[in-house]
């Protein structure tokens, strides 16, 4: 998925640790072949080429991620939308060449997006795209899911203490020996956590300044525009699937609507750099340290 993965774990001996690592990285590699939009031959990209013509059967992993994404898209009225791939690519070029997309190109691209144009059939586990040229992009959810699956793989092997860092998407179980939790350093706060996930989104590091305006790499799928409000959002959640996707959704929704959203998700907390504050509560070992 175009990102670096690091895993740290504690096991009884080197043999057990290495075997667990190989299995966890193997699971991530298989998911990369399914969820990546960087690999032209990934299952995701093959579905995008074939699904406009007919419903396409997909793997359980891809369907689970798309089904969760569609649920969040409906809850946020499209603020989170995995069909925004064409918009992401348009703004990627804008950042590269430091030139804003022209109105016509933006309009054509928006016509290729919209979560209502993605059809899922849970009975037959198929995907259909309503418009040719649509491109699904799981950049706001895929890494969190892969980190969850890596932790699940390690747990099945008996590992009780592990930490996965998937390019900033953090997923962890247990705690290091002699510690009460994993120490997580955010920009404005340090946390000590066990058995959960942390995801951070924002345009403070990935952005471009055009005509004295800073444009984030995060796109509002509803308008087709890149975000221009500064700030960072960190989400602490029981798993990476929620943390990854909610951090992106809340970045787009903003503080007020984001606060309303997380009230529907038990065990989720949101911290914003703009206010250095916490929205919601986390019942699984959150604290300063």
C-alpha atoms as a PDB file:
ATOM      1  CA  UNK A   1       0.000   0.000   0.000  1.00  0.00           C
ATOM      2  CA  UNK A   2       2.987   2.267  -0.560  1.00  0.00           C
ATOM      3  CA  UNK A   3       3.919   2.425   3.131  1.00  0.00           C
ATOM      4  CA  UNK A   4       6.486   1.054   5.565  1.00  0.00           C
ATOM      5  CA  UNK A   5       5.419  -1.477   8.213  1.00  0.00           C
ATOM      6  CA  UNK A   6       7.246  -2.113  11.487  1.00  0.00           C
ATOM      7  CA  UNK A   7       6.350  -4.775  14.043  1.00  0.00           C
ATOM      8  CA  UNK A   8       7.684  -5.118  17.573  1.00  0.00           C
ATOM      9  CA  UNK A   9       6.768  -8.101  19.731  1.00  0.00           C
ATOM     10  CA  UNK A  10       7.802 -10.034  22.807  1.00  0.00           C
ATOM     11  CA  UNK A  11       8.010 -13.832  22.736  1.00  0.00           C
ATOM     12  CA  UNK A  12       9.596 -16.666  24.677  1.00  0.00           C
ATOM     13  CA  UNK A  13      12.560 -17.064  22.291  1.00  0.00           C
ATOM     14  CA  UNK A  14      13.978 -15.972  18.915  1.00  0.00           C
ATOM     15  CA  UNK A  15      12.527 -18.923  17.045  1.00  0.00           C
ATOM     16  CA  UNK A  16       9.007 -18.207  18.234  1.00  0.00           C
ATOM     17  CA  UNK A  17       9.409 -14.477  17.565  1.00  0.00           C
ATOM     18  CA  UNK A  18      10.739 -14.945  14.027  1.00  0.00           C
ATOM     19  CA  UNK A  19       8.019 -17.438  13.121  1.00  0.00           C
ATOM     20  CA  UNK A  20       5.354 -15.040  14.376  1.00  0.00           C
ATOM     21  CA  UNK A  21       6.881 -12.127  12.473  1.00  0.00           C
ATOM     22  CA  UNK A  22       7.026 -14.091   9.216  1.00  0.00           C
ATOM     23  CA  UNK A  23       3.376 -15.040   9.542  1.00  0.00           C
ATOM     24  CA  UNK A  24       2.267 -11.494  10.378  1.00  0.00           C
ATOM     25  CA  UNK A  25       4.224  -9.943   7.511  1.00  0.00           C
ATOM     26  CA  UNK A  26       2.892 -12.675   5.217  1.00  0.00           C
ATOM     27  CA  UNK A  27      -0.662 -11.707   6.142  1.00  0.00           C
ATOM     28  CA  UNK A  28       0.113  -8.049   5.421  1.00  0.00           C
ATOM     29  CA  UNK A  29       1.646  -8.978   2.060  1.00  0.00           C
ATOM     30  CA  UNK A  30      -1.501 -10.894   1.075  1.00  0.00           C
ATOM     31  CA  UNK A  31      -3.637  -7.923   2.059  1.00  0.00           C
ATOM     32  CA  UNK A  32      -1.391  -5.599   0.054  1.00  0.00           C
ATOM     33  CA  UNK A  33      -2.123  -7.730  -3.012  1.00  0.00           C
ATOM     34  CA  UNK A  34      -5.841  -7.251  -2.295  1.00  0.00           C
ATOM     35  CA  UNK A  35      -6.219  -3.662  -1.071  1.00  0.00           C
ATOM     36  CA  UNK A  36      -3.436  -1.635  -2.717  1.00  0.00           C
ATOM     37  CA  UNK A  37      -4.258   0.986  -5.330  1.00  0.00           C
ATOM     38  CA  UNK A  38      -0.537   1.292  -6.144  1.00  0.00           C
ATOM     39  CA  UNK A  39      -0.357  -2.242  -7.600  1.00  0.00           C
ATOM     40  CA  UNK A  40      -2.104  -2.384 -11.002  1.00  0.00           C
ATOM     41  CA  UNK A  41      -2.786  -6.097 -10.496  1.00  0.00           C
ATOM     42  CA  UNK A  42      -4.179  -5.879  -6.965  1.00  0.00           C
ATOM     43  CA  UNK A  43      -7.657  -7.286  -6.469  1.00  0.00           C
ATOM     44  CA  UNK A  44      -8.926  -3.754  -5.827  1.00  0.00           C
ATOM     45  CA  UNK A  45      -7.680  -2.463  -9.184  1.00  0.00           C
ATOM     46  CA  UNK A  46      -8.872  -5.542 -11.064  1.00  0.00           C
ATOM     47  CA  UNK A  47     -12.327  -5.005  -9.569  1.00  0.00           C
ATOM     48  CA  UNK A  48     -12.290  -1.354 -10.666  1.00  0.00           C
ATOM     49  CA  UNK A  49     -11.569  -2.467 -14.232  1.00  0.00           C
ATOM     50  CA  UNK A  50     -14.227  -5.178 -14.298  1.00  0.00           C
ATOM     51  CA  UNK A  51     -17.016  -4.028 -11.996  1.00  0.00           C
ATOM     52  CA  UNK A  52     -18.538  -1.311 -14.266  1.00  0.00           C
ATOM     53  CA  UNK A  53     -19.753  -4.050 -16.597  1.00  0.00           C
ATOM     54  CA  UNK A  54     -21.235  -6.513 -14.092  1.00  0.00           C
ATOM     55  CA  UNK A  55     -21.156  -7.484 -10.407  1.00  0.00           C
ATOM     56  CA  UNK A  56     -17.748  -8.965  -9.583  1.00  0.00           C
ATOM     57  CA  UNK A  57     -17.197 -11.558  -6.827  1.00  0.00           C
ATOM     58  CA  UNK A  58     -14.541 -10.414  -4.355  1.00  0.00           C
ATOM     59  CA  UNK A  59     -12.572 -11.828  -1.445  1.00  0.00           C
ATOM     60  CA  UNK A  60     -13.904 -11.744   2.100  1.00  0.00           C
ATOM     61  CA  UNK A  61     -11.216  -9.227   3.087  1.00  0.00           C
ATOM     62  CA  UNK A  62     -12.042  -6.749   0.340  1.00  0.00           C
ATOM     63  CA  UNK A  63     -15.764  -7.063   0.914  1.00  0.00           C
ATOM     64  CA  UNK A  64     -15.414  -6.522   4.665  1.00  0.00           C
ATOM     65  CA  UNK A  65     -13.413  -3.325   4.160  1.00  0.00           C
ATOM     66  CA  UNK A  66     -15.798  -1.986   1.501  1.00  0.00           C
ATOM     67  CA  UNK A  67     -18.854  -2.843   3.594  1.00  0.00           C
ATOM     68  CA  UNK A  68     -17.475  -0.998   6.617  1.00  0.00           C
ATOM     69  CA  UNK A  69     -16.484   1.946   4.417  1.00  0.00           C
ATOM     70  CA  UNK A  70     -19.969   2.185   2.929  1.00  0.00           C
ATOM     71  CA  UNK A  71     -21.517   2.196   6.384  1.00  0.00           C
ATOM     72  CA  UNK A  72     -19.276   5.076   7.437  1.00  0.00           C
ATOM     73  CA  UNK A  73     -19.989   6.905   4.172  1.00  0.00           C
ATOM     74  CA  UNK A  74     -23.699   6.798   4.943  1.00  0.00           C
ATOM     75  CA  UNK A  75     -23.162   7.927   8.548  1.00  0.00           C
ATOM     76  CA  UNK A  76     -21.066  10.900   7.409  1.00  0.00           C
ATOM     77  CA  UNK A  77     -23.134  11.830   4.333  1.00  0.00           C
ATOM     78  CA  UNK A  78     -20.139  11.121   2.137  1.00  0.00           C
ATOM     79  CA  UNK A  79     -17.416  12.856   4.157  1.00  0.00           C
ATOM     80  CA  UNK A  80     -15.696   9.461   4.124  1.00  0.00           C
ATOM     81  CA  UNK A  81     -15.878   7.918   0.663  1.00  0.00           C
ATOM     82  CA  UNK A  82     -13.639   5.237  -0.854  1.00  0.00           C
ATOM     83  CA  UNK A  83     -14.898   6.075  -4.373  1.00  0.00           C
ATOM     84  CA  UNK A  84     -12.908   9.348  -4.256  1.00  0.00           C
ATOM     85  CA  UNK A  85      -9.898   7.763  -5.968  1.00  0.00           C
ATOM     86  CA  UNK A  86     -10.104   9.974  -9.082  1.00  0.00           C
ATOM     87  CA  UNK A  87     -10.217  13.103  -6.889  1.00  0.00           C
ATOM     88  CA  UNK A  88      -7.225  11.924  -4.868  1.00  0.00           C
ATOM     89  CA  UNK A  89      -5.235  11.389  -8.056  1.00  0.00           C
ATOM     90  CA  UNK A  90      -6.253  14.800  -9.438  1.00  0.00           C
ATOM     91  CA  UNK A  91      -5.089  16.582  -6.294  1.00  0.00           C
ATOM     92  CA  UNK A  92      -1.942  14.443  -6.136  1.00  0.00           C
ATOM     93  CA  UNK A  93      -0.991  15.967  -9.494  1.00  0.00           C
ATOM     94  CA  UNK A  94      -1.966  19.409  -8.211  1.00  0.00           C
ATOM     95  CA  UNK A  95       0.464  19.052  -5.321  1.00  0.00           C
ATOM     96  CA  UNK A  96       3.169  17.725  -7.596  1.00  0.00           C
ATOM     97  CA  UNK A  97       2.896  20.591 -10.114  1.00  0.00           C
ATOM     98  CA  UNK A  98       1.713  23.237  -7.614  1.00  0.00           C
ATOM     99  CA  UNK A  99      -1.254  24.114  -9.802  1.00  0.00           C
ATOM    100  CA  UNK A 100      -4.907  24.001  -8.804  1.00  0.00           C
ATOM    101  CA  UNK A 101      -7.209  21.731 -10.840  1.00  0.00           C
ATOM    102  CA  UNK A 102      -9.294  23.696 -13.313  1.00  0.00           C
ATOM    103  CA  UNK A 103     -13.046  23.752 -12.830  1.00  0.00           C
ATOM    104  CA  UNK A 104     -13.824  21.536 -15.833  1.00  0.00           C
ATOM    105  CA  UNK A 105     -11.371  18.830 -14.801  1.00  0.00           C
ATOM    106  CA  UNK A 106     -12.705  18.945 -11.265  1.00  0.00           C
ATOM    107  CA  UNK A 107     -16.284  18.634 -12.490  1.00  0.00           C
ATOM    108  CA  UNK A 108     -15.495  15.659 -14.728  1.00  0.00           C
ATOM    109  CA  UNK A 109     -13.639  13.953 -11.927  1.00  0.00           C
ATOM    110  CA  UNK A 110     -16.434  14.474  -9.408  1.00  0.00           C
ATOM    111  CA  UNK A 111     -18.802  12.716 -11.828  1.00  0.00           C
ATOM    112  CA  UNK A 112     -16.704   9.571 -11.346  1.00  0.00           C
ATOM    113  CA  UNK A 113     -17.110   9.647  -7.559  1.00  0.00           C
ATOM    114  CA  UNK A 114     -19.881   9.123  -5.026  1.00  0.00           C
ATOM    115  CA  UNK A 115     -20.476   6.279  -2.592  1.00  0.00           C
ATOM    116  CA  UNK A 116     -23.999   5.756  -3.926  1.00  0.00           C
ATOM    117  CA  UNK A 117     -22.393   4.607  -7.193  1.00  0.00           C
ATOM    118  CA  UNK A 118     -20.794   1.661  -5.378  1.00  0.00           C
ATOM    119  CA  UNK A 119     -23.131  -1.350  -5.092  1.00  0.00           C
ATOM    120  CA  UNK A 120     -22.421  -4.175  -2.634  1.00  0.00           C
ATOM    121  CA  UNK A 121     -24.294  -7.490  -2.561  1.00  0.00           C
ATOM    122  CA  UNK A 122     -23.698  -9.199   0.786  1.00  0.00           C
ATOM    123  CA  UNK A 123     -25.530 -12.382  -0.222  1.00  0.00           C
ATOM    124  CA  UNK A 124     -23.336 -13.055  -3.257  1.00  0.00           C
ATOM    125  CA  UNK A 125     -20.343 -11.025  -1.977  1.00  0.00           C
ATOM    126  CA  UNK A 126     -20.086  -8.983  -5.166  1.00  0.00           C
ATOM    127  CA  UNK A 127     -19.148  -5.414  -6.057  1.00  0.00           C
ATOM    128  CA  UNK A 128     -20.497  -3.307  -8.890  1.00  0.00           C
ATOM    129  CA  UNK A 129     -19.529   0.226  -9.951  1.00  0.00           C
ATOM    130  CA  UNK A 130     -22.195   2.290 -11.677  1.00  0.00           C
ATOM    131  CA  UNK A 131     -19.861   4.441 -13.782  1.00  0.00           C
ATOM    132  CA  UNK A 132     -16.939   3.393 -15.950  1.00  0.00           C
ATOM    133  CA  UNK A 133     -13.716   5.092 -14.870  1.00  0.00           C
ATOM    134  CA  UNK A 134     -14.444   4.904 -11.145  1.00  0.00           C
ATOM    135  CA  UNK A 135     -11.449   4.160  -8.916  1.00  0.00           C
ATOM    136  CA  UNK A 136     -11.703   2.915  -5.359  1.00  0.00           C
ATOM    137  CA  UNK A 137      -9.059   4.178  -2.947  1.00  0.00           C
ATOM    138  CA  UNK A 138      -8.649   2.478   0.440  1.00  0.00           C
ATOM    139  CA  UNK A 139      -5.885   4.800   1.633  1.00  0.00           C
ATOM    140  CA  UNK A 140      -8.037   5.957   4.557  1.00  0.00           C
ATOM    141  CA  UNK A 141      -8.934   2.493   5.842  1.00  0.00           C
ATOM    142  CA  UNK A 142      -6.754  -0.264   4.352  1.00  0.00           C
ATOM    143  CA  UNK A 143      -3.679   0.197   6.544  1.00  0.00           C
ATOM    144  CA  UNK A 144      -5.782   0.132   9.704  1.00  0.00           C
ATOM    145  CA  UNK A 145      -7.426  -3.115   8.626  1.00  0.00           C
ATOM    146  CA  UNK A 146      -4.074  -4.674   7.733  1.00  0.00           C
ATOM    147  CA  UNK A 147      -2.651  -3.687  11.119  1.00  0.00           C
ATOM    148  CA  UNK A 148      -5.658  -5.349  12.799  1.00  0.00           C
ATOM    149  CA  UNK A 149      -5.068  -8.532  10.840  1.00  0.00           C
ATOM    150  CA  UNK A 150      -1.368  -8.558  11.709  1.00  0.00           C
ATOM    151  CA  UNK A 151      -2.255  -8.338  15.416  1.00  0.00           C
ATOM    152  CA  UNK A 152      -4.878 -11.087  15.006  1.00  0.00           C
ATOM    153  CA  UNK A 153      -2.257 -13.303  13.355  1.00  0.00           C
ATOM    154  CA  UNK A 154       0.199 -12.721  16.194  1.00  0.00           C
ATOM    155  CA  UNK A 155      -2.460 -13.382  18.828  1.00  0.00           C
ATOM    156  CA  UNK A 156      -3.325 -16.732  17.244  1.00  0.00           C
ATOM    157  CA  UNK A 157       0.319 -17.704  17.627  1.00  0.00           C
ATOM    158  CA  UNK A 158       0.159 -16.938  21.323  1.00  0.00           C
ATOM    159  CA  UNK A 159       1.859 -13.533  21.233  1.00  0.00           C
ATOM    160  CA  UNK A 160       0.421 -11.385  24.018  1.00  0.00           C
ATOM    161  CA  UNK A 161       2.479  -8.216  23.584  1.00  0.00           C
ATOM    162  CA  UNK A 162       2.974  -6.628  20.164  1.00  0.00           C
ATOM    163  CA  UNK A 163       3.008  -3.269  18.402  1.00  0.00           C
ATOM    164  CA  UNK A 164       2.360  -2.671  14.678  1.00  0.00           C
ATOM    165  CA  UNK A 165       3.244   0.650  13.063  1.00  0.00           C
ATOM    166  CA  UNK A 166       1.852   0.807   9.528  1.00  0.00           C
ATOM    167  CA  UNK A 167       3.182   4.190   8.423  1.00  0.00           C
ATOM    168  CA  UNK A 168       1.675   5.921  11.449  1.00  0.00           C
ATOM    169  CA  UNK A 169      -1.359   3.657  11.824  1.00  0.00           C
ATOM    170  CA  UNK A 170      -0.676   2.122  15.237  1.00  0.00           C
ATOM    171  CA  UNK A 171      -2.193  -1.126  16.533  1.00  0.00           C
ATOM    172  CA  UNK A 172      -1.120  -2.881  19.714  1.00  0.00           C
ATOM    173  CA  UNK A 173      -1.954  -5.545  22.293  1.00  0.00           C
ATOM    174  CA  UNK A 174      -0.721  -6.062  25.826  1.00  0.00           C
ATOM    175  CA  UNK A 175       2.246  -4.042  26.992  1.00  0.00           C
ATOM    176  CA  UNK A 176       6.046  -4.332  27.008  1.00  0.00           C
ATOM    177  CA  UNK A 177       7.502  -6.319  29.926  1.00  0.00           C
ATOM    178  CA  UNK A 178       7.547  -4.253  33.086  1.00  0.00           C
ATOM    179  CA  UNK A 179       5.306  -1.547  31.614  1.00  0.00           C
ATOM    180  CA  UNK A 180       1.632  -0.748  32.109  1.00  0.00           C
ATOM    181  CA  UNK A 181       1.061   0.002  28.411  1.00  0.00           C
ATOM    182  CA  UNK A 182       2.643   1.092  25.147  1.00  0.00           C
ATOM    183  CA  UNK A 183       3.893   4.664  25.188  1.00  0.00           C
ATOM    184  CA  UNK A 184       2.343   6.612  22.299  1.00  0.00           C
ATOM    185  CA  UNK A 185       3.758  10.048  21.548  1.00  0.00           C
ATOM    186  CA  UNK A 186       1.358  12.415  19.825  1.00  0.00           C
ATOM    187  CA  UNK A 187       2.364  15.908  18.798  1.00  0.00           C
ATOM    188  CA  UNK A 188       0.645  17.498  21.784  1.00  0.00           C
ATOM    189  CA  UNK A 189       0.261  14.646  24.279  1.00  0.00           C
ATOM    190  CA  UNK A 190       1.840  11.389  25.446  1.00  0.00           C
ATOM    191  CA  UNK A 191      -0.399   8.397  26.109  1.00  0.00           C
ATOM    192  CA  UNK A 192       0.088   4.957  27.613  1.00  0.00           C
ATOM    193  CA  UNK A 193      -2.280   2.464  26.000  1.00  0.00           C
ATOM    194  CA  UNK A 194      -3.050  -1.242  25.879  1.00  0.00           C
ATOM    195  CA  UNK A 195      -5.142  -3.253  23.421  1.00  0.00           C
ATOM    196  CA  UNK A 196      -6.200  -0.625  20.912  1.00  0.00           C
ATOM    197  CA  UNK A 197      -5.268   1.537  17.959  1.00  0.00           C
ATOM    198  CA  UNK A 198      -4.260   5.113  17.200  1.00  0.00           C
ATOM    199  CA  UNK A 199      -4.513   6.904  13.870  1.00  0.00           C
ATOM    200  CA  UNK A 200      -3.518  10.478  13.039  1.00  0.00           C
ATOM    201  CA  UNK A 201      -4.711  12.469  10.019  1.00  0.00           C
ATOM    202  CA  UNK A 202      -4.057  16.028   8.939  1.00  0.00           C
ATOM    203  CA  UNK A 203      -2.414  18.230   6.360  1.00  0.00           C
ATOM    204  CA  UNK A 204       0.362  19.668   8.486  1.00  0.00           C
ATOM    205  CA  UNK A 205       2.985  17.377   6.926  1.00  0.00           C
ATOM    206  CA  UNK A 206       1.447  16.529   3.540  1.00  0.00           C
ATOM    207  CA  UNK A 207       0.284  19.743   1.903  1.00  0.00           C
ATOM    208  CA  UNK A 208       1.131  22.238  -0.791  1.00  0.00           C
ATOM    209  CA  UNK A 209       0.931  26.035  -0.734  1.00  0.00           C
ATOM    210  CA  UNK A 210      -0.650  27.546  -3.875  1.00  0.00           C
ATOM    211  CA  UNK A 211      -1.455  31.280  -4.084  1.00  0.00           C
ATOM    212  CA  UNK A 212      -0.728  31.612  -0.356  1.00  0.00           C
ATOM    213  CA  UNK A 213      -3.266  28.928   0.551  1.00  0.00           C
ATOM    214  CA  UNK A 214      -2.232  25.611   2.105  1.00  0.00           C
ATOM    215  CA  UNK A 215      -4.000  22.613   0.532  1.00  0.00           C
ATOM    216  CA  UNK A 216      -3.987  19.325   2.439  1.00  0.00           C
ATOM    217  CA  UNK A 217      -3.644  15.869   0.913  1.00  0.00           C
ATOM    218  CA  UNK A 218      -7.050  15.118   2.458  1.00  0.00           C
ATOM    219  CA  UNK A 219      -9.964  15.707   0.084  1.00  0.00           C
ATOM    220  CA  UNK A 220     -13.570  16.463   0.974  1.00  0.00           C
ATOM    221  CA  UNK A 221     -15.344  13.985  -1.348  1.00  0.00           C
ATOM    222  CA  UNK A 222     -18.566  15.986  -1.130  1.00  0.00           C
ATOM    223  CA  UNK A 223     -17.079  19.098  -2.748  1.00  0.00           C
ATOM    224  CA  UNK A 224     -14.038  17.678  -4.525  1.00  0.00           C
ATOM    225  CA  UNK A 225     -11.838  20.272  -2.803  1.00  0.00           C
ATOM    226  CA  UNK A 226      -8.699  19.687  -0.745  1.00  0.00           C
ATOM    227  CA  UNK A 227      -8.968  20.766   2.880  1.00  0.00           C
ATOM    228  CA  UNK A 228      -7.474  24.157   3.677  1.00  0.00           C
ATOM    229  CA  UNK A 229      -8.035  24.273   7.440  1.00  0.00           C
ATOM    230  CA  UNK A 230      -4.844  23.499   9.381  1.00  0.00           C
ATOM    231  CA  UNK A 231      -4.804  20.983  12.180  1.00  0.00           C
ATOM    232  CA  UNK A 232      -4.340  17.352  13.058  1.00  0.00           C
ATOM    233  CA  UNK A 233      -6.840  14.782  14.273  1.00  0.00           C
ATOM    234  CA  UNK A 234      -5.840  11.714  16.284  1.00  0.00           C
ATOM    235  CA  UNK A 235      -8.317   8.933  16.990  1.00  0.00           C
ATOM    236  CA  UNK A 236      -7.897   6.308  19.707  1.00  0.00           C
ATOM    237  CA  UNK A 237     -10.141   3.295  19.135  1.00  0.00           C
ATOM    238  CA  UNK A 238     -10.420  -0.397  19.997  1.00  0.00           C
ATOM    239  CA  UNK A 239      -9.165  -1.398  16.526  1.00  0.00           C
ATOM    240  CA  UNK A 240      -7.404   0.000  13.469  1.00  0.00           C
ATOM    241  CA  UNK A 241     -10.393  -0.271  11.151  1.00  0.00           C
ATOM    242  CA  UNK A 242     -12.221   2.332  13.215  1.00  0.00           C
ATOM    243  CA  UNK A 243      -9.208   4.491  14.090  1.00  0.00           C
ATOM    244  CA  UNK A 244      -7.939   4.789  10.513  1.00  0.00           C
ATOM    245  CA  UNK A 245     -11.273   5.594   8.870  1.00  0.00           C
ATOM    246  CA  UNK A 246     -12.624   7.842  11.629  1.00  0.00           C
ATOM    247  CA  UNK A 247      -9.495  10.019  11.703  1.00  0.00           C
ATOM    248  CA  UNK A 248     -10.019  10.801   8.021  1.00  0.00           C
ATOM    249  CA  UNK A 249     -13.773  11.292   8.370  1.00  0.00           C
ATOM    250  CA  UNK A 250     -13.432  13.662  11.328  1.00  0.00           C
ATOM    251  CA  UNK A 251     -10.721  15.665   9.538  1.00  0.00           C
ATOM    252  CA  UNK A 252     -13.278  16.325   6.787  1.00  0.00           C
ATOM    253  CA  UNK A 253     -16.287  16.870   9.069  1.00  0.00           C
ATOM    254  CA  UNK A 254     -14.554  19.282  11.444  1.00  0.00           C
ATOM    255  CA  UNK A 255     -14.686  19.512  15.221  1.00  0.00           C
ATOM    256  CA  UNK A 256     -18.417  20.095  15.755  1.00  0.00           C
ATOM    257  CA  UNK A 257     -19.769  17.402  13.448  1.00  0.00           C
ATOM    258  CA  UNK A 258     -16.897  15.103  14.362  1.00  0.00           C
ATOM    259  CA  UNK A 259     -17.910  15.341  18.011  1.00  0.00           C
ATOM    260  CA  UNK A 260     -21.442  14.287  17.100  1.00  0.00           C
ATOM    261  CA  UNK A 261     -20.147  11.362  15.048  1.00  0.00           C
ATOM    262  CA  UNK A 262     -17.995   9.765  17.727  1.00  0.00           C
ATOM    263  CA  UNK A 263     -20.864   9.731  20.200  1.00  0.00           C
ATOM    264  CA  UNK A 264     -22.183   6.819  18.120  1.00  0.00           C
ATOM    265  CA  UNK A 265     -18.958   4.825  18.507  1.00  0.00           C
ATOM    266  CA  UNK A 266     -18.345   3.350  21.996  1.00  0.00           C
ATOM    267  CA  UNK A 267     -14.720   3.305  23.093  1.00  0.00           C
ATOM    268  CA  UNK A 268     -13.482   6.012  20.703  1.00  0.00           C
ATOM    269  CA  UNK A 269     -11.678   9.229  21.651  1.00  0.00           C
ATOM    270  CA  UNK A 270     -10.640  12.052  19.345  1.00  0.00           C
ATOM    271  CA  UNK A 271      -7.904  14.598  19.987  1.00  0.00           C
ATOM    272  CA  UNK A 272      -7.399  17.686  17.859  1.00  0.00           C
ATOM    273  CA  UNK A 273      -4.218  19.747  17.674  1.00  0.00           C
ATOM    274  CA  UNK A 274      -6.184  22.953  17.172  1.00  0.00           C
ATOM    275  CA  UNK A 275      -7.825  22.639  20.592  1.00  0.00           C
ATOM    276  CA  UNK A 276      -5.446  20.140  22.288  1.00  0.00           C
ATOM    277  CA  UNK A 277      -8.611  18.562  23.588  1.00  0.00           C
ATOM    278  CA  UNK A 278     -10.307  15.204  23.856  1.00  0.00           C
ATOM    279  CA  UNK A 279     -13.745  14.439  22.427  1.00  0.00           C
ATOM    280  CA  UNK A 280     -15.275  11.262  23.814  1.00  0.00           C
ATOM    281  CA  UNK A 281     -13.802   8.704  26.167  1.00  0.00           C
ATOM    282  CA  UNK A 282     -11.722   5.551  25.939  1.00  0.00           C
ATOM    283  CA  UNK A 283     -12.291   2.689  28.393  1.00  0.00           C
ATOM    284  CA  UNK A 284      -9.226   0.594  27.546  1.00  0.00           C
ATOM    285  CA  UNK A 285      -6.180   1.857  29.383  1.00  0.00           C
ATOM    286  CA  UNK A 286      -5.735   5.428  28.192  1.00  0.00           C
ATOM    287  CA  UNK A 287      -3.683   7.806  30.299  1.00  0.00           C
ATOM    288  CA  UNK A 288      -0.782  10.215  30.436  1.00  0.00           C
ATOM    289  CA  UNK A 289       2.658   8.666  30.825  1.00  0.00           C
END
